[in-house]
PDB file of N, CA and C in Angstrom:
ATOM      1  N   PRO A   1      -6.235  -4.618   5.061  1.00  0.00           N
ATOM      2  CA  PRO A   1      -6.231  -3.332   5.937  1.00  0.00           C
ATOM      3  C   PRO A   1      -7.645  -2.762   5.674  1.00  0.00           C
ATOM      4  N   LYS A   2      -7.978  -1.955   6.833  1.00  0.00           N
ATOM      5  CA  LYS A   2      -9.335  -1.261   6.673  1.00  0.00           C
ATOM      6  C   LYS A   2      -9.275  -0.073   5.976  1.00  0.00           C
ATOM      7  N   ARG A   3      -8.208   0.833   6.263  1.00  0.00           N
ATOM      8  CA  ARG A   3      -8.295   2.188   5.487  1.00  0.00           C
ATOM      9  C   ARG A   3      -7.343   2.071   4.350  1.00  0.00           C
ATOM     10  N   THR A   4      -7.832   1.515   3.397  1.00  0.00           N
ATOM     11  CA  THR A   4      -7.038   1.564   2.062  1.00  0.00           C
ATOM     12  C   THR A   4      -7.641   2.464   1.201  1.00  0.00           C
ATOM     13  N   ARG A   5      -7.156   3.739   1.161  1.00  0.00           N
ATOM     14  CA  ARG A   5      -7.760   4.873   0.390  1.00  0.00           C
ATOM     15  C   ARG A   5      -7.458   4.322  -1.146  1.00  0.00           C
ATOM     16  N   PHE A   6      -6.469   3.533  -1.381  1.00  0.00           N
ATOM     17  CA  PHE A   6      -6.185   3.240  -3.011  1.00  0.00           C
ATOM     18  C   PHE A   6      -5.646   1.773  -2.891  1.00  0.00           C
ATOM     19  N   ARG A   7      -6.652   0.916  -2.452  1.00  0.00           N
ATOM     20  CA  ARG A   7      -6.414  -0.460  -2.470  1.00  0.00           C
ATOM     21  C   ARG A   7      -6.074  -1.141  -4.031  1.00  0.00           C
ATOM     22  N   LYS A   8      -6.919  -0.372  -4.793  1.00  0.00           N
ATOM     23  CA  LYS A   8      -6.738  -0.762  -6.118  1.00  0.00           C
ATOM     24  C   LYS A   8      -5.431  -0.431  -6.750  1.00  0.00           C
ATOM     25  N   GLN A   9      -4.960   0.787  -6.512  1.00  0.00           N
ATOM     26  CA  GLN A   9      -3.748   1.240  -7.052  1.00  0.00           C
ATOM     27  C   GLN A   9      -2.518   0.746  -6.346  1.00  0.00           C
ATOM     28  N   HIS A  10      -2.503   0.274  -5.145  1.00  0.00           N
ATOM     29  CA  HIS A  10      -1.497  -0.369  -4.467  1.00  0.00           C
ATOM     30  C   HIS A  10      -1.527  -1.916  -5.004  1.00  0.00           C
ATOM     31  N   ARG A  11      -2.282  -2.332  -5.904  1.00  0.00           N
ATOM     32  CA  ARG A  11      -2.622  -3.641  -6.279  1.00  0.00           C
ATOM     33  C   ARG A  11      -1.443  -3.789  -7.301  1.00  0.00           C
ATOM     34  N   GLY A  12      -1.406  -2.806  -8.195  1.00  0.00           N
ATOM     35  CA  GLY A  12      -0.208  -3.190  -9.322  1.00  0.00           C
ATOM     36  C   GLY A  12       0.908  -2.075  -9.260  1.00  0.00           C
ATOM     37  N   ARG A  13       0.747  -1.054  -8.111  1.00  0.00           N
ATOM     38  CA  ARG A  13       1.881  -0.211  -7.834  1.00  0.00           C
ATOM     39  C   ARG A  13       2.530  -0.600  -6.652  1.00  0.00           C
ATOM     40  N   MET A  14       2.904  -1.594  -6.335  1.00  0.00           N
ATOM     41  CA  MET A  14       3.538  -1.983  -5.102  1.00  0.00           C
ATOM     42  C   MET A  14       4.844  -1.491  -5.058  1.00  0.00           C
ATOM     43  N   LYS A  15       5.407  -1.179  -5.959  1.00  0.00           N
ATOM     44  CA  LYS A  15       6.768  -0.464  -6.012  1.00  0.00           C
ATOM     45  C   LYS A  15       6.598   1.002  -5.689  1.00  0.00           C
ATOM     46  N   GLY A  16       5.582   1.648  -6.453  1.00  0.00           N
ATOM     47  CA  GLY A  16       5.363   3.025  -6.202  1.00  0.00           C
ATOM     48  C   GLY A  16       4.672   3.439  -4.967  1.00  0.00           C
ATOM     49  N   ILE A  17       3.788   2.523  -4.417  1.00  0.00           N
ATOM     50  CA  ILE A  17       3.224   2.987  -3.068  1.00  0.00           C
ATOM     51  C   ILE A  17       3.981   2.101  -1.823  1.00  0.00           C
ATOM     52  N   SER A  18       5.060   1.457  -2.084  1.00  0.00           N
ATOM     53  CA  SER A  18       5.639   0.753  -1.069  1.00  0.00           C
ATOM     54  C   SER A  18       6.277   1.867  -0.103  1.00  0.00           C
ATOM     55  N   TYR A  19       6.733   2.790  -0.680  1.00  0.00           N
ATOM     56  CA  TYR A  19       7.311   3.994   0.282  1.00  0.00           C
ATOM     57  C   TYR A  19       6.204   4.664   1.084  1.00  0.00           C
ATOM     58  N   ARG A  20       4.951   5.009   0.512  1.00  0.00           N
ATOM     59  CA  ARG A  20       4.011   5.601   1.134  1.00  0.00           C
ATOM     60  C   ARG A  20       2.955   4.499   1.996  1.00  0.00           C
ATOM     61  N   GLY A  21       3.418   3.255   1.447  1.00  0.00           N
ATOM     62  CA  GLY A  21       2.463   2.182   2.261  1.00  0.00           C
ATOM     63  C   GLY A  21       2.969   2.107   3.466  1.00  0.00           C
ATOM     64  N   ASN A  22       4.542   2.310   3.691  1.00  0.00           N
ATOM     65  CA  ASN A  22       4.977   2.173   5.097  1.00  0.00           C
ATOM     66  C   ASN A  22       4.311   3.104   5.930  1.00  0.00           C
ATOM     67  N   HIS A  23       3.877   4.310   5.679  1.00  0.00           N
ATOM     68  CA  HIS A  23       3.396   5.265   6.417  1.00  0.00           C
ATOM     69  C   HIS A  23       1.800   4.766   6.754  1.00  0.00           C
ATOM     70  N   ILE A  24       1.366   4.040   5.755  1.00  0.00           N
ATOM     71  CA  ILE A  24      -0.282   3.758   6.064  1.00  0.00           C
ATOM     72  C   ILE A  24      -0.319   2.339   6.848  1.00  0.00           C
ATOM     73  N   CYS A  25      -1.525   2.126   7.014  1.00  0.00           N
ATOM     74  CA  CYS A  25      -1.501   0.575   7.891  1.00  0.00           C
ATOM     75  C   CYS A  25      -1.395  -0.462   6.805  1.00  0.00           C
ATOM     76  N   PHE A  26      -1.335  -0.486   5.564  1.00  0.00           N
ATOM     77  CA  PHE A  26      -1.050  -1.448   4.652  1.00  0.00           C
ATOM     78  C   PHE A  26       0.282  -1.248   4.057  1.00  0.00           C
ATOM     79  N   GLY A  27       1.373  -0.864   5.053  1.00  0.00           N
ATOM     80  CA  GLY A  27       2.762  -0.786   4.594  1.00  0.00           C
ATOM     81  C   GLY A  27       3.074  -2.307   4.403  1.00  0.00           C
ATOM     82  N   LYS A  28       2.938  -3.042   5.394  1.00  0.00           N
ATOM     83  CA  LYS A  28       3.381  -4.388   5.142  1.00  0.00           C
ATOM     84  C   LYS A  28       2.832  -5.155   4.101  1.00  0.00           C
ATOM     85  N   PHE A  29       1.412  -4.629   3.913  1.00  0.00           N
ATOM     86  CA  PHE A  29       0.891  -5.421   2.668  1.00  0.00           C
ATOM     87  C   PHE A  29       1.453  -4.925   1.182  1.00  0.00           C
ATOM     88  N   ALA A  30       1.992  -3.670   1.167  1.00  0.00           N
ATOM     89  CA  ALA A  30       2.685  -3.186   0.066  1.00  0.00           C
ATOM     90  C   ALA A  30       4.184  -3.576  -0.018  1.00  0.00           C
ATOM     91  N   LEU A  31       4.524  -3.873   0.944  1.00  0.00           N
ATOM     92  CA  LEU A  31       5.958  -4.491   1.082  1.00  0.00           C
ATOM     93  C   LEU A  31       5.892  -5.988   0.376  1.00  0.00           C
ATOM     94  N   GLN A  32       4.888  -6.492   0.612  1.00  0.00           N
ATOM     95  CA  GLN A  32       4.656  -8.027   0.106  1.00  0.00           C
ATOM     96  C   GLN A  32       5.082  -7.744  -1.412  1.00  0.00           C
TER      97      GLN A  32
END
């Protein structure tokens, strides 16, 4: 994704940011 404001956080917090990832462009990335 290009607009990853917290791509480091969503690296190990896939469960925590999965819900907010859906709203962001890396929603599918977090669901992975």
